[in-house]
Amino acid sequence: MSLALAKQGADILTYPSAFTVPTGLAHWEVLLRARAIETQCYVVAAAQTGKHNSKRQSYGHAMIVDPWGCVVACCHEGTDVCVAQIDSTYQKKIRAEMPVFEHRRHDLYTPVQSVSPSNPGQ
């Protein structure tokens, strides 16, 4: 879905989450950085944090990642807020210097379909 949104002109992708602590520690940041790099979009990721009950605790660590995959803002443990500047000039420079959508081998991979608000699965 992130690739389809980027191809439709998205500059910022948002992801809400409630990762558990073990999966958050292992995967949260790397998945967000990968989405930013592959789409060349800013990624703004909200994240639930804290203990919900005796069996579930959310990882938290909301963050903002730039189109190069650098974490430009990250919340600390617990309730927190982070902010970052969205630099559209920087984003355009990255997209011009490394046009990832032009590098895709459409003869090997099926092109990503458009995302429609009324039919998100297609």
N, C-alpha and C. Protein backbone atom coordinates (compact mmCIF):
# COMPACT_ATOMS: atom_id res chain seq x y z
N MET A 1 0.82 -1.18 0.00
CA MET A 1 0.00 0.00 0.00
C MET A 1 0.87 1.25 0.00
N SER A 2 1.99 1.24 0.72
CA SER A 2 2.84 2.42 0.77
C SER A 2 3.39 2.77 -0.61
N LEU A 3 3.75 1.76 -1.39
CA LEU A 3 4.24 2.02 -2.75
C LEU A 3 3.16 2.64 -3.62
N ALA A 4 1.93 2.13 -3.51
CA ALA A 4 0.83 2.68 -4.29
C ALA A 4 0.56 4.13 -3.91
N LEU A 5 0.59 4.43 -2.62
CA LEU A 5 0.37 5.81 -2.18
C LEU A 5 1.47 6.73 -2.68
N ALA A 6 2.71 6.28 -2.61
CA ALA A 6 3.82 7.10 -3.11
C ALA A 6 3.70 7.33 -4.61
N LYS A 7 3.33 6.30 -5.36
CA LYS A 7 3.17 6.46 -6.80
C LYS A 7 2.03 7.42 -7.13
N GLN A 8 1.05 7.54 -6.23
CA GLN A 8 -0.05 8.48 -6.44
C GLN A 8 0.29 9.89 -5.97
N GLY A 9 1.52 10.09 -5.50
CA GLY A 9 1.96 11.43 -5.14
C GLY A 9 2.10 11.73 -3.67
N ALA A 10 1.95 10.73 -2.81
CA ALA A 10 2.10 10.98 -1.36
C ALA A 10 3.53 11.41 -1.05
N ASP A 11 3.67 12.37 -0.19
CA ASP A 11 4.97 12.81 0.30
C ASP A 11 5.19 12.38 1.74
N ILE A 12 4.10 12.14 2.46
CA ILE A 12 4.15 11.75 3.87
C ILE A 12 3.24 10.53 4.05
N LEU A 13 3.77 9.52 4.70
CA LEU A 13 2.99 8.34 5.05
C LEU A 13 2.85 8.29 6.56
N THR A 14 1.67 7.93 7.04
CA THR A 14 1.47 7.83 8.49
C THR A 14 1.12 6.40 8.86
N TYR A 15 1.65 5.97 9.99
CA TYR A 15 1.42 4.62 10.48
C TYR A 15 1.10 4.67 11.97
N PRO A 16 -0.10 4.31 12.36
CA PRO A 16 -0.38 4.12 13.79
C PRO A 16 0.02 2.70 14.16
N SER A 17 0.36 2.47 15.43
CA SER A 17 0.75 1.11 15.79
C SER A 17 0.51 0.81 17.26
N ALA A 18 0.58 -0.48 17.54
CA ALA A 18 0.55 -0.97 18.92
C ALA A 18 1.43 -2.22 18.98
N PHE A 19 2.70 -2.07 18.60
CA PHE A 19 3.64 -3.18 18.64
C PHE A 19 3.86 -3.63 20.08
N THR A 20 3.97 -4.92 20.29
CA THR A 20 4.35 -5.40 21.61
C THR A 20 5.82 -5.07 21.82
N VAL A 21 6.28 -5.15 23.05
CA VAL A 21 7.68 -4.82 23.34
C VAL A 21 8.66 -5.70 22.57
N PRO A 22 8.49 -7.03 22.57
CA PRO A 22 9.47 -7.85 21.83
C PRO A 22 9.53 -7.54 20.32
N THR A 23 8.37 -7.41 19.68
CA THR A 23 8.39 -7.13 18.25
C THR A 23 8.78 -5.68 17.97
N GLY A 24 8.42 -4.78 18.86
CA GLY A 24 8.83 -3.39 18.70
C GLY A 24 10.34 -3.23 18.75
N LEU A 25 10.96 -3.87 19.74
CA LEU A 25 12.42 -3.82 19.86
C LEU A 25 13.10 -4.36 18.60
N ALA A 26 12.56 -5.43 18.05
CA ALA A 26 13.19 -6.09 16.91
C ALA A 26 12.86 -5.45 15.57
N HIS A 27 11.64 -4.93 15.39
CA HIS A 27 11.19 -4.57 14.04
C HIS A 27 10.70 -3.15 13.82
N TRP A 28 10.26 -2.45 14.83
CA TRP A 28 9.58 -1.16 14.66
C TRP A 28 10.40 -0.18 13.83
N GLU A 29 11.58 0.16 14.29
CA GLU A 29 12.38 1.17 13.59
C GLU A 29 12.79 0.73 12.19
N VAL A 30 13.24 -0.50 12.07
CA VAL A 30 13.73 -0.96 10.76
C VAL A 30 12.60 -1.00 9.72
N LEU A 31 11.39 -1.37 10.12
CA LEU A 31 10.27 -1.37 9.18
C LEU A 31 9.91 0.05 8.73
N LEU A 32 9.93 0.99 9.65
CA LEU A 32 9.61 2.38 9.29
C LEU A 32 10.68 2.97 8.38
N ARG A 33 11.93 2.68 8.70
CA ARG A 33 13.02 3.18 7.85
C ARG A 33 12.93 2.58 6.45
N ALA A 34 12.59 1.30 6.37
CA ALA A 34 12.44 0.65 5.06
C ALA A 34 11.32 1.28 4.25
N ARG A 35 10.17 1.57 4.90
CA ARG A 35 9.06 2.21 4.18
C ARG A 35 9.49 3.58 3.67
N ALA A 36 10.21 4.34 4.46
CA ALA A 36 10.67 5.66 4.03
C ALA A 36 11.61 5.56 2.84
N ILE A 37 12.55 4.63 2.90
CA ILE A 37 13.53 4.48 1.82
C ILE A 37 12.88 4.01 0.54
N GLU A 38 12.04 2.98 0.61
CA GLU A 38 11.48 2.42 -0.61
C GLU A 38 10.48 3.35 -1.28
N THR A 39 9.86 4.25 -0.53
CA THR A 39 8.88 5.18 -1.10
C THR A 39 9.43 6.59 -1.26
N GLN A 40 10.56 6.87 -0.62
CA GLN A 40 11.15 8.21 -0.58
C GLN A 40 10.17 9.23 -0.02
N CYS A 41 9.43 8.79 0.98
CA CYS A 41 8.47 9.63 1.69
C CYS A 41 8.92 9.85 3.12
N TYR A 42 8.43 10.90 3.72
CA TYR A 42 8.56 11.03 5.17
C TYR A 42 7.58 10.04 5.79
N VAL A 43 7.98 9.43 6.88
CA VAL A 43 7.12 8.50 7.60
C VAL A 43 6.90 9.07 9.00
N VAL A 44 5.64 9.27 9.33
CA VAL A 44 5.25 9.75 10.66
C VAL A 44 4.50 8.60 11.32
N ALA A 45 5.08 8.08 12.40
CA ALA A 45 4.55 6.87 13.00
C ALA A 45 4.18 7.08 14.46
N ALA A 46 2.88 7.10 14.71
CA ALA A 46 2.38 7.17 16.08
C ALA A 46 2.45 5.77 16.68
N ALA A 47 2.59 5.70 18.00
CA ALA A 47 2.72 4.37 18.61
C ALA A 47 2.15 4.37 20.02
N GLN A 48 1.27 3.40 20.28
CA GLN A 48 0.78 3.22 21.65
C GLN A 48 1.94 2.80 22.53
N THR A 49 1.87 3.22 23.78
CA THR A 49 2.93 2.87 24.71
C THR A 49 2.33 2.52 26.06
N GLY A 50 3.03 1.71 26.80
CA GLY A 50 2.61 1.41 28.17
C GLY A 50 1.97 0.05 28.34
N LYS A 51 1.68 -0.24 29.59
CA LYS A 51 1.10 -1.52 29.97
C LYS A 51 -0.43 -1.43 29.89
N HIS A 52 -1.03 -2.34 29.13
CA HIS A 52 -2.48 -2.35 28.95
C HIS A 52 -3.15 -3.25 29.99
N ASN A 53 -2.49 -4.34 30.29
CA ASN A 53 -2.97 -5.29 31.30
C ASN A 53 -1.78 -6.16 31.70
N SER A 54 -2.01 -7.19 32.47
CA SER A 54 -0.90 -8.01 32.95
C SER A 54 -0.22 -8.82 31.84
N LYS A 55 -0.88 -8.93 30.68
CA LYS A 55 -0.31 -9.73 29.59
C LYS A 55 0.14 -8.92 28.38
N ARG A 56 -0.18 -7.65 28.34
CA ARG A 56 0.14 -6.87 27.13
C ARG A 56 0.73 -5.52 27.49
N GLN A 57 1.86 -5.23 26.82
CA GLN A 57 2.52 -3.94 26.94
C GLN A 57 2.95 -3.50 25.56
N SER A 58 2.63 -2.26 25.19
CA SER A 58 3.00 -1.73 23.88
C SER A 58 4.36 -1.04 23.95
N TYR A 59 5.09 -1.18 22.87
CA TYR A 59 6.47 -0.69 22.77
C TYR A 59 6.58 0.83 22.76
N GLY A 60 5.70 1.50 22.04
CA GLY A 60 5.79 2.96 21.94
C GLY A 60 6.86 3.37 20.94
N HIS A 61 7.62 4.40 21.29
CA HIS A 61 8.70 4.93 20.45
C HIS A 61 8.18 5.48 19.11
N ALA A 62 7.17 6.34 19.18
CA ALA A 62 6.71 7.02 17.98
C ALA A 62 7.90 7.74 17.36
N MET A 63 7.90 7.84 16.03
CA MET A 63 9.05 8.49 15.39
C MET A 63 8.69 9.06 14.03
N ILE A 64 9.60 9.87 13.54
CA ILE A 64 9.51 10.47 12.21
C ILE A 64 10.80 10.11 11.48
N VAL A 65 10.64 9.59 10.26
CA VAL A 65 11.77 9.16 9.46
C VAL A 65 11.77 9.94 8.16
N ASP A 66 12.94 10.40 7.73
CA ASP A 66 13.01 11.16 6.48
C ASP A 66 13.11 10.22 5.27
N PRO A 67 13.00 10.75 4.05
CA PRO A 67 12.99 9.90 2.85
C PRO A 67 14.30 9.14 2.59
N TRP A 68 15.35 9.49 3.28
CA TRP A 68 16.63 8.78 3.14
C TRP A 68 16.73 7.64 4.16
N GLY A 69 15.75 7.59 5.07
CA GLY A 69 15.72 6.53 6.07
C GLY A 69 16.34 6.91 7.40
N CYS A 70 16.62 8.18 7.59
CA CYS A 70 17.19 8.66 8.86
C CYS A 70 16.07 9.01 9.83
N VAL A 71 16.19 8.55 11.05
CA VAL A 71 15.22 8.91 12.09
C VAL A 71 15.52 10.34 12.49
N VAL A 72 14.58 11.25 12.24
CA VAL A 72 14.80 12.67 12.53
C VAL A 72 14.15 13.10 13.84
N ALA A 73 13.26 12.27 14.39
CA ALA A 73 12.66 12.54 15.70
C ALA A 73 12.13 11.23 16.25
N CYS A 74 12.28 11.06 17.57
CA CYS A 74 11.82 9.82 18.19
C CYS A 74 11.40 10.10 19.63
N CYS A 75 10.29 9.53 20.02
CA CYS A 75 9.83 9.67 21.39
C CYS A 75 10.62 8.75 22.31
N HIS A 76 10.74 9.17 23.54
CA HIS A 76 11.40 8.37 24.56
C HIS A 76 10.42 7.35 25.13
N GLU A 77 10.88 6.57 26.04
CA GLU A 77 10.03 5.60 26.75
C GLU A 77 8.88 6.33 27.44
N GLY A 78 7.68 5.79 27.36
CA GLY A 78 6.53 6.41 28.01
C GLY A 78 5.87 7.44 27.13
N THR A 79 5.00 8.24 27.72
CA THR A 79 4.26 9.26 26.99
C THR A 79 5.21 10.39 26.59
N ASP A 80 5.19 10.77 25.32
CA ASP A 80 6.12 11.77 24.81
C ASP A 80 5.57 12.32 23.50
N VAL A 81 6.17 13.39 23.01
CA VAL A 81 5.81 14.00 21.74
C VAL A 81 7.10 14.30 21.00
N CYS A 82 7.11 14.06 19.69
CA CYS A 82 8.26 14.46 18.89
C CYS A 82 7.76 15.22 17.67
N VAL A 83 8.56 16.14 17.19
CA VAL A 83 8.22 16.92 16.00
C VAL A 83 9.45 17.02 15.11
N ALA A 84 9.22 17.26 13.84
CA ALA A 84 10.32 17.43 12.89
C ALA A 84 9.84 18.30 11.73
N GLN A 85 10.78 18.98 11.10
CA GLN A 85 10.48 19.76 9.91
C GLN A 85 10.37 18.82 8.72
N ILE A 86 9.40 19.05 7.87
CA ILE A 86 9.27 18.32 6.62
C ILE A 86 9.90 19.20 5.55
N ASP A 87 11.00 18.75 4.98
CA ASP A 87 11.77 19.53 4.01
C ASP A 87 11.49 19.01 2.61
N SER A 88 10.56 19.65 1.91
CA SER A 88 10.17 19.17 0.59
C SER A 88 11.29 19.34 -0.44
N THR A 89 12.14 20.33 -0.25
CA THR A 89 13.28 20.51 -1.16
C THR A 89 14.24 19.33 -1.04
N TYR A 90 14.52 18.91 0.18
CA TYR A 90 15.37 17.74 0.43
C TYR A 90 14.75 16.48 -0.18
N GLN A 91 13.46 16.33 -0.01
CA GLN A 91 12.77 15.16 -0.56
C GLN A 91 12.85 15.15 -2.09
N LYS A 92 12.64 16.28 -2.72
CA LYS A 92 12.73 16.37 -4.18
C LYS A 92 14.14 16.06 -4.67
N LYS A 93 15.14 16.50 -3.93
CA LYS A 93 16.54 16.22 -4.27
C LYS A 93 16.81 14.71 -4.23
N ILE A 94 16.35 14.05 -3.19
CA ILE A 94 16.53 12.60 -3.07
C ILE A 94 15.85 11.89 -4.24
N ARG A 95 14.63 12.29 -4.53
CA ARG A 95 13.87 11.65 -5.62
C ARG A 95 14.52 11.89 -6.98
N ALA A 96 15.12 13.05 -7.18
CA ALA A 96 15.78 13.35 -8.46
C ALA A 96 17.09 12.58 -8.59
N GLU A 97 17.84 12.47 -7.50
CA GLU A 97 19.16 11.82 -7.55
C GLU A 97 19.07 10.30 -7.55
N MET A 98 17.99 9.75 -7.03
CA MET A 98 17.80 8.31 -7.04
C MET A 98 16.33 8.00 -7.34
N PRO A 99 15.96 8.03 -8.60
CA PRO A 99 14.55 7.83 -8.98
C PRO A 99 14.13 6.36 -8.87
N VAL A 100 13.82 5.92 -7.65
CA VAL A 100 13.56 4.50 -7.40
C VAL A 100 12.42 3.93 -8.23
N PHE A 101 11.42 4.72 -8.52
CA PHE A 101 10.30 4.19 -9.28
C PHE A 101 10.66 3.96 -10.74
N GLU A 102 11.68 4.66 -11.24
CA GLU A 102 12.16 4.43 -12.60
C GLU A 102 13.07 3.20 -12.66
N HIS A 103 13.61 2.79 -11.53
CA HIS A 103 14.54 1.66 -11.49
C HIS A 103 13.83 0.31 -11.36
N ARG A 104 12.55 0.33 -11.09
CA ARG A 104 11.82 -0.93 -10.87
C ARG A 104 11.73 -1.72 -12.17
N ARG A 105 11.87 -3.03 -12.04
CA ARG A 105 11.78 -3.95 -13.18
C ARG A 105 10.34 -4.42 -13.32
N HIS A 106 9.56 -3.67 -14.07
CA HIS A 106 8.15 -4.02 -14.24
C HIS A 106 7.97 -5.29 -15.06
N ASP A 107 9.03 -5.71 -15.78
CA ASP A 107 8.95 -6.97 -16.51
C ASP A 107 9.08 -8.16 -15.56
N LEU A 108 9.57 -7.93 -14.34
CA LEU A 108 9.73 -9.00 -13.35
C LEU A 108 8.68 -8.94 -12.25
N TYR A 109 8.21 -7.73 -11.93
CA TYR A 109 7.28 -7.55 -10.82
C TYR A 109 6.02 -6.86 -11.32
N THR A 110 4.90 -7.31 -10.83
CA THR A 110 3.63 -6.69 -11.17
C THR A 110 3.60 -5.28 -10.59
N PRO A 111 3.25 -4.29 -11.38
CA PRO A 111 3.17 -2.92 -10.84
C PRO A 111 2.16 -2.84 -9.69
N VAL A 112 2.47 -2.00 -8.74
CA VAL A 112 1.57 -1.78 -7.61
C VAL A 112 0.35 -1.04 -8.10
N GLN A 113 -0.83 -1.49 -7.71
CA GLN A 113 -2.08 -0.87 -8.13
C GLN A 113 -2.35 0.38 -7.30
N SER A 114 -3.19 1.24 -7.81
CA SER A 114 -3.59 2.44 -7.10
C SER A 114 -4.44 2.09 -5.88
N VAL A 115 -4.40 2.95 -4.90
CA VAL A 115 -5.21 2.78 -3.70
C VAL A 115 -6.39 3.73 -3.79
N SER A 116 -7.56 3.18 -3.62
CA SER A 116 -8.78 3.97 -3.66
C SER A 116 -9.40 3.99 -2.28
N PRO A 117 -9.78 5.17 -1.76
CA PRO A 117 -10.39 5.22 -0.43
C PRO A 117 -11.64 4.36 -0.31
N SER A 118 -12.38 4.20 -1.40
CA SER A 118 -13.62 3.41 -1.33
C SER A 118 -13.34 1.92 -1.49
N ASN A 119 -12.15 1.55 -1.96
CA ASN A 119 -11.82 0.14 -2.18
C ASN A 119 -10.34 -0.07 -1.89
N PRO A 120 -9.93 0.02 -0.60
CA PRO A 120 -8.50 -0.01 -0.25
C PRO A 120 -7.77 -1.28 -0.62
N GLY A 121 -8.44 -2.38 -0.82
CA GLY A 121 -7.76 -3.63 -1.14
C GLY A 121 -7.41 -3.79 -2.60
N GLN A 122 -7.75 -2.83 -3.43
CA GLN A 122 -7.49 -2.97 -4.87
C GLN A 122 -6.60 -1.88 -5.39
